C-alpha atoms as a PDB file:
ATOM      1  CA  UNK A   1     -16.421   0.459 -26.953  1.00  0.00           C
ATOM      2  CA  UNK A   2     -12.915   0.366 -25.465  1.00  0.00           C
ATOM      3  CA  UNK A   3     -13.472   3.765 -23.795  1.00  0.00           C
ATOM      4  CA  UNK A   4     -16.671   2.395 -22.287  1.00  0.00           C
ATOM      5  CA  UNK A   5     -14.737  -0.456 -20.628  1.00  0.00           C
ATOM      6  CA  UNK A   6     -11.951   1.884 -19.490  1.00  0.00           C
ATOM      7  CA  UNK A   7     -14.500   4.244 -17.931  1.00  0.00           C
ATOM      8  CA  UNK A   8     -16.174   1.302 -16.187  1.00  0.00           C
ATOM      9  CA  UNK A   9     -12.818   0.115 -14.855  1.00  0.00           C
ATOM     10  CA  UNK A  10     -12.041   3.619 -13.528  1.00  0.00           C
ATOM     11  CA  UNK A  11     -15.422   3.813 -11.776  1.00  0.00           C
ATOM     12  CA  UNK A  12     -14.843   0.367 -10.251  1.00  0.00           C
ATOM     13  CA  UNK A  13     -11.436   1.466  -8.916  1.00  0.00           C
ATOM     14  CA  UNK A  14     -12.913   4.627  -7.397  1.00  0.00           C
ATOM     15  CA  UNK A  15     -15.764   2.662  -5.839  1.00  0.00           C
ATOM     16  CA  UNK A  16     -13.272   0.163  -4.410  1.00  0.00           C
ATOM     17  CA  UNK A  17     -11.123   2.940  -2.907  1.00  0.00           C
ATOM     18  CA  UNK A  18     -14.141   4.707  -1.429  1.00  0.00           C
ATOM     19  CA  UNK A  19     -15.544   1.485   0.053  1.00  0.00           C
ATOM     20  CA  UNK A  20     -12.164   0.673   1.637  1.00  0.00           C
ATOM     21  CA  UNK A  21     -12.297   3.980   3.532  1.00  0.00           C
ATOM     22  CA  UNK A  22     -15.741   2.975   4.877  1.00  0.00           C
ATOM     23  CA  UNK A  23     -14.742  -0.614   5.601  1.00  0.00           C
ATOM     24  CA  UNK A  24     -15.462  -1.496   9.261  1.00  0.00           C
ATOM     25  CA  UNK A  25     -11.884  -2.806   9.603  1.00  0.00           C
ATOM     26  CA  UNK A  26     -10.337   0.570   8.748  1.00  0.00           C
ATOM     27  CA  UNK A  27     -10.495   2.142  12.270  1.00  0.00           C
ATOM     28  CA  UNK A  28      -8.724  -0.905  13.740  1.00  0.00           C
ATOM     29  CA  UNK A  29      -6.094  -0.847  10.990  1.00  0.00           C
ATOM     30  CA  UNK A  30      -5.448   2.867  11.573  1.00  0.00           C
ATOM     31  CA  UNK A  31      -5.158   2.215  15.317  1.00  0.00           C
ATOM     32  CA  UNK A  32      -2.516  -0.431  14.570  1.00  0.00           C
ATOM     33  CA  UNK A  33      -0.626   2.014  12.331  1.00  0.00           C
ATOM     34  CA  UNK A  34      -0.863   4.637  15.083  1.00  0.00           C
ATOM     35  CA  UNK A  35       0.606   2.133  17.548  1.00  0.00           C
ATOM     36  CA  UNK A  36       3.552   1.557  15.184  1.00  0.00           C
ATOM     37  CA  UNK A  37       4.214   5.303  15.157  1.00  0.00           C
ATOM     38  CA  UNK A  38       4.590   5.340  18.936  1.00  0.00           C
ATOM     39  CA  UNK A  39       4.040   8.402  21.103  1.00  0.00           C
ATOM     40  CA  UNK A  40       4.518  10.736  18.144  1.00  0.00           C
ATOM     41  CA  UNK A  41       1.395   9.386  16.439  1.00  0.00           C
ATOM     42  CA  UNK A  42      -0.096  11.048  13.388  1.00  0.00           C
ATOM     43  CA  UNK A  43       0.658  14.632  12.408  1.00  0.00           C
ATOM     44  CA  UNK A  44      -2.384  16.945  12.257  1.00  0.00           C
ATOM     45  CA  UNK A  45      -2.088  16.969   8.439  1.00  0.00           C
ATOM     46  CA  UNK A  46      -1.902  13.161   8.044  1.00  0.00           C
ATOM     47  CA  UNK A  47      -3.913  11.604   5.221  1.00  0.00           C
ATOM     48  CA  UNK A  48      -4.195   8.004   4.122  1.00  0.00           C
ATOM     49  CA  UNK A  49      -5.378   5.687   1.388  1.00  0.00           C
ATOM     50  CA  UNK A  50      -6.184   2.091   2.281  1.00  0.00           C
ATOM     51  CA  UNK A  51      -6.922  -1.076   0.359  1.00  0.00           C
ATOM     52  CA  UNK A  52      -7.468  -4.685   1.318  1.00  0.00           C
ATOM     53  CA  UNK A  53      -5.789  -7.376  -0.782  1.00  0.00           C
ATOM     54  CA  UNK A  54      -5.037 -11.035  -0.174  1.00  0.00           C
ATOM     55  CA  UNK A  55      -1.244 -11.128  -0.232  1.00  0.00           C
ATOM     56  CA  UNK A  56      -0.718 -14.785   0.724  1.00  0.00           C
ATOM     57  CA  UNK A  57      -3.633 -16.618  -0.954  1.00  0.00           C
ATOM     58  CA  UNK A  58      -5.322 -17.519   2.340  1.00  0.00           C
ATOM     59  CA  UNK A  59      -8.578 -15.835   1.190  1.00  0.00           C
ATOM     60  CA  UNK A  60      -8.194 -13.298   3.997  1.00  0.00           C
ATOM     61  CA  UNK A  61      -7.138  -9.832   2.842  1.00  0.00           C
ATOM     62  CA  UNK A  62      -4.269  -7.879   4.296  1.00  0.00           C
ATOM     63  CA  UNK A  63      -4.389  -4.090   4.695  1.00  0.00           C
ATOM     64  CA  UNK A  64      -2.130  -1.808   2.663  1.00  0.00           C
ATOM     65  CA  UNK A  65      -2.086   1.747   4.029  1.00  0.00           C
ATOM     66  CA  UNK A  66      -0.295   4.574   2.249  1.00  0.00           C
ATOM     67  CA  UNK A  67       0.218   7.422   4.707  1.00  0.00           C
ATOM     68  CA  UNK A  68       1.009  10.994   3.745  1.00  0.00           C
ATOM     69  CA  UNK A  69       2.222  12.618   6.939  1.00  0.00           C
ATOM     70  CA  UNK A  70       4.627  15.548   7.194  1.00  0.00           C
ATOM     71  CA  UNK A  71       6.707  13.586   9.686  1.00  0.00           C
ATOM     72  CA  UNK A  72       6.951  10.529   7.431  1.00  0.00           C
ATOM     73  CA  UNK A  73       7.344  11.981   3.938  1.00  0.00           C
ATOM     74  CA  UNK A  74      10.377  13.302   2.144  1.00  0.00           C
ATOM     75  CA  UNK A  75      11.662  13.939  -1.354  1.00  0.00           C
ATOM     76  CA  UNK A  76      11.542  10.192  -2.083  1.00  0.00           C
ATOM     77  CA  UNK A  77       7.913   9.698  -1.057  1.00  0.00           C
ATOM     78  CA  UNK A  78       5.897   8.735   1.991  1.00  0.00           C
ATOM     79  CA  UNK A  79       5.342   5.617   4.102  1.00  0.00           C
ATOM     80  CA  UNK A  80       3.290   2.522   3.305  1.00  0.00           C
ATOM     81  CA  UNK A  81       2.267   0.016   5.977  1.00  0.00           C
ATOM     82  CA  UNK A  82       1.273  -3.599   5.336  1.00  0.00           C
ATOM     83  CA  UNK A  83      -0.701  -5.362   8.064  1.00  0.00           C
ATOM     84  CA  UNK A  84      -2.337  -8.754   8.498  1.00  0.00           C
ATOM     85  CA  UNK A  85      -5.266  -9.554  10.752  1.00  0.00           C
ATOM     86  CA  UNK A  86      -4.753 -12.167  13.463  1.00  0.00           C
ATOM     87  CA  UNK A  87      -6.662 -13.148  16.585  1.00  0.00           C
ATOM     88  CA  UNK A  88      -4.445 -10.638  18.428  1.00  0.00           C
ATOM     89  CA  UNK A  89      -5.447  -7.820  16.055  1.00  0.00           C
ATOM     90  CA  UNK A  90      -3.763  -6.197  13.048  1.00  0.00           C
ATOM     91  CA  UNK A  91      -0.049  -6.998  13.066  1.00  0.00           C
ATOM     92  CA  UNK A  92       2.639  -5.340  10.933  1.00  0.00           C
ATOM     93  CA  UNK A  93       4.087  -7.160   7.931  1.00  0.00           C
ATOM     94  CA  UNK A  94       6.075  -4.206   6.725  1.00  0.00           C
ATOM     95  CA  UNK A  95       6.658  -0.486   6.806  1.00  0.00           C
ATOM     96  CA  UNK A  96       8.075   0.910   3.580  1.00  0.00           C
ATOM     97  CA  UNK A  97       9.587   4.351   3.448  1.00  0.00           C
ATOM     98  CA  UNK A  98      10.036   6.371   0.261  1.00  0.00           C
ATOM     99  CA  UNK A  99       6.991   4.864  -1.418  1.00  0.00           C
ATOM    100  CA  UNK A 100       4.511   6.410  -3.802  1.00  0.00           C
ATOM    101  CA  UNK A 101       1.332   5.256  -5.465  1.00  0.00           C
ATOM    102  CA  UNK A 102       0.455   3.135  -7.374  1.00  0.00           C
ATOM    103  CA  UNK A 103       1.090  -0.125  -5.541  1.00  0.00           C
ATOM    104  CA  UNK A 104       0.553  -3.497  -7.228  1.00  0.00           C
ATOM    105  CA  UNK A 105       0.375  -7.133  -6.178  1.00  0.00           C
ATOM    106  CA  UNK A 106       2.849  -8.908  -8.438  1.00  0.00           C
ATOM    107  CA  UNK A 107       2.474 -12.574  -9.452  1.00  0.00           C
ATOM    108  CA  UNK A 108       5.852 -13.611  -7.973  1.00  0.00           C
ATOM    109  CA  UNK A 109       5.957 -14.641  -4.344  1.00  0.00           C
ATOM    110  CA  UNK A 110       8.560 -15.359  -1.684  1.00  0.00           C
ATOM    111  CA  UNK A 111       8.028 -17.060   1.649  1.00  0.00           C
ATOM    112  CA  UNK A 112       4.354 -17.597   0.775  1.00  0.00           C
ATOM    113  CA  UNK A 113       3.668 -13.887   0.216  1.00  0.00           C
ATOM    114  CA  UNK A 114       3.204 -12.089  -3.090  1.00  0.00           C
ATOM    115  CA  UNK A 115       5.732  -9.435  -4.043  1.00  0.00           C
ATOM    116  CA  UNK A 116       4.484  -5.869  -4.148  1.00  0.00           C
ATOM    117  CA  UNK A 117       5.223  -3.453  -6.958  1.00  0.00           C
ATOM    118  CA  UNK A 118       5.788  -0.015  -5.445  1.00  0.00           C
ATOM    119  CA  UNK A 119       6.298   3.159  -7.446  1.00  0.00           C
ATOM    120  CA  UNK A 120       9.387   5.142  -6.425  1.00  0.00           C
ATOM    121  CA  UNK A 121      10.828   8.449  -7.607  1.00  0.00           C
ATOM    122  CA  UNK A 122      12.635  11.450  -6.200  1.00  0.00           C
ATOM    123  CA  UNK A 123      15.385  11.489  -3.652  1.00  0.00           C
ATOM    124  CA  UNK A 124      17.935  10.644  -6.335  1.00  0.00           C
ATOM    125  CA  UNK A 125      16.403   7.351  -7.430  1.00  0.00           C
ATOM    126  CA  UNK A 126      15.298   6.552 -10.974  1.00  0.00           C
ATOM    127  CA  UNK A 127      11.490   6.633 -11.229  1.00  0.00           C
ATOM    128  CA  UNK A 128       9.674   3.352 -11.760  1.00  0.00           C
ATOM    129  CA  UNK A 129       7.968   0.407 -10.118  1.00  0.00           C
ATOM    130  CA  UNK A 130      10.211  -1.675  -7.858  1.00  0.00           C
ATOM    131  CA  UNK A 131       9.554  -5.217  -6.643  1.00  0.00           C
ATOM    132  CA  UNK A 132       9.370  -5.445  -2.857  1.00  0.00           C
ATOM    133  CA  UNK A 133       9.767  -8.986  -1.543  1.00  0.00           C
ATOM    134  CA  UNK A 134       8.660 -10.599   1.654  1.00  0.00           C
ATOM    135  CA  UNK A 135      11.876 -11.395   3.517  1.00  0.00           C
ATOM    136  CA  UNK A 136      10.641 -14.170   5.795  1.00  0.00           C
ATOM    137  CA  UNK A 137       9.592 -11.846   8.597  1.00  0.00           C
ATOM    138  CA  UNK A 138       8.041  -8.983   6.640  1.00  0.00           C
ATOM    139  CA  UNK A 139       8.170  -6.858   3.533  1.00  0.00           C
ATOM    140  CA  UNK A 140      11.439  -5.025   3.015  1.00  0.00           C
ATOM    141  CA  UNK A 141      11.461  -1.432   4.222  1.00  0.00           C
ATOM    142  CA  UNK A 142      13.126   0.341   1.297  1.00  0.00           C
ATOM    143  CA  UNK A 143      11.470  -0.159  -2.093  1.00  0.00           C
ATOM    144  CA  UNK A 144      14.310   1.645  -3.904  1.00  0.00           C
ATOM    145  CA  UNK A 145      16.487  -1.424  -3.182  1.00  0.00           C
ATOM    146  CA  UNK A 146      14.098  -3.740  -5.038  1.00  0.00           C
ATOM    147  CA  UNK A 147      14.511  -4.852  -8.632  1.00  0.00           C
ATOM    148  CA  UNK A 148      13.129  -2.474 -11.229  1.00  0.00           C
ATOM    149  CA  UNK A 149       9.991  -3.887 -12.839  1.00  0.00           C
ATOM    150  CA  UNK A 150      10.520  -2.970 -16.476  1.00  0.00           C
ATOM    151  CA  UNK A 151       7.074  -4.019 -17.623  1.00  0.00           C
ATOM    152  CA  UNK A 152       4.232  -4.972 -15.310  1.00  0.00           C
ATOM    153  CA  UNK A 153       3.278  -8.620 -15.748  1.00  0.00           C
ATOM    154  CA  UNK A 154      -0.211  -9.206 -17.104  1.00  0.00           C
ATOM    155  CA  UNK A 155      -1.103 -10.992 -13.840  1.00  0.00           C
ATOM    156  CA  UNK A 156      -0.221  -7.940 -11.710  1.00  0.00           C
ATOM    157  CA  UNK A 157      -3.222  -6.448  -9.939  1.00  0.00           C
ATOM    158  CA  UNK A 158      -3.505  -2.919  -8.685  1.00  0.00           C
ATOM    159  CA  UNK A 159      -3.856  -2.565  -4.923  1.00  0.00           C
ATOM    160  CA  UNK A 160      -3.738   1.222  -4.551  1.00  0.00           C
ATOM    161  CA  UNK A 161      -3.998   3.249  -7.782  1.00  0.00           C
ATOM    162  CA  UNK A 162      -2.174   6.538  -8.246  1.00  0.00           C
ATOM    163  CA  UNK A 163      -5.596   8.219  -8.154  1.00  0.00           C
ATOM    164  CA  UNK A 164      -6.462   6.878  -4.681  1.00  0.00           C
ATOM    165  CA  UNK A 165      -8.424   9.283  -2.556  1.00  0.00           C
ATOM    166  CA  UNK A 166      -6.333  10.522   0.356  1.00  0.00           C
ATOM    167  CA  UNK A 167      -8.574  10.814   3.434  1.00  0.00           C
ATOM    168  CA  UNK A 168      -7.660  12.896   6.500  1.00  0.00           C
ATOM    169  CA  UNK A 169      -6.857  10.531   9.383  1.00  0.00           C
ATOM    170  CA  UNK A 170      -9.436  12.210  11.622  1.00  0.00           C
ATOM    171  CA  UNK A 171     -12.306  11.280   9.293  1.00  0.00           C
END
């Protein structure tokens, strides 16, 4: 019976990831990420995974975009963008380098925003999930500087699983 529930959970995660790619907000979010990259824009090989999660309990989900792009990845990982929707469009809340999947919403919060649990490894850092706090103006840019999360709290929710489908930016 336990395997039945685990299989159902896995299917639900895959369905959630696939539906996020088809979400009508996704093109606008990707345009906002592209604007953050400036004139350089996306590399031809760029791929992304996206999820929508309420990070400040306002019942309006923010976008979390993990971008694999040859110009933005290194031995420590790739880049994750966090954006919130406003009347002016999707605005950046953070741009984290050296991040990997999975990414979690942790139960702790700072400045009204939930901490994120971001997996890090490579580049000389010990592998594990690190807590990334909201600093008052945005999420901190380097997850390797965050506190190591020894054991995920039961209230942690997955935002982007390690098995997220990476979609070419042009699709």
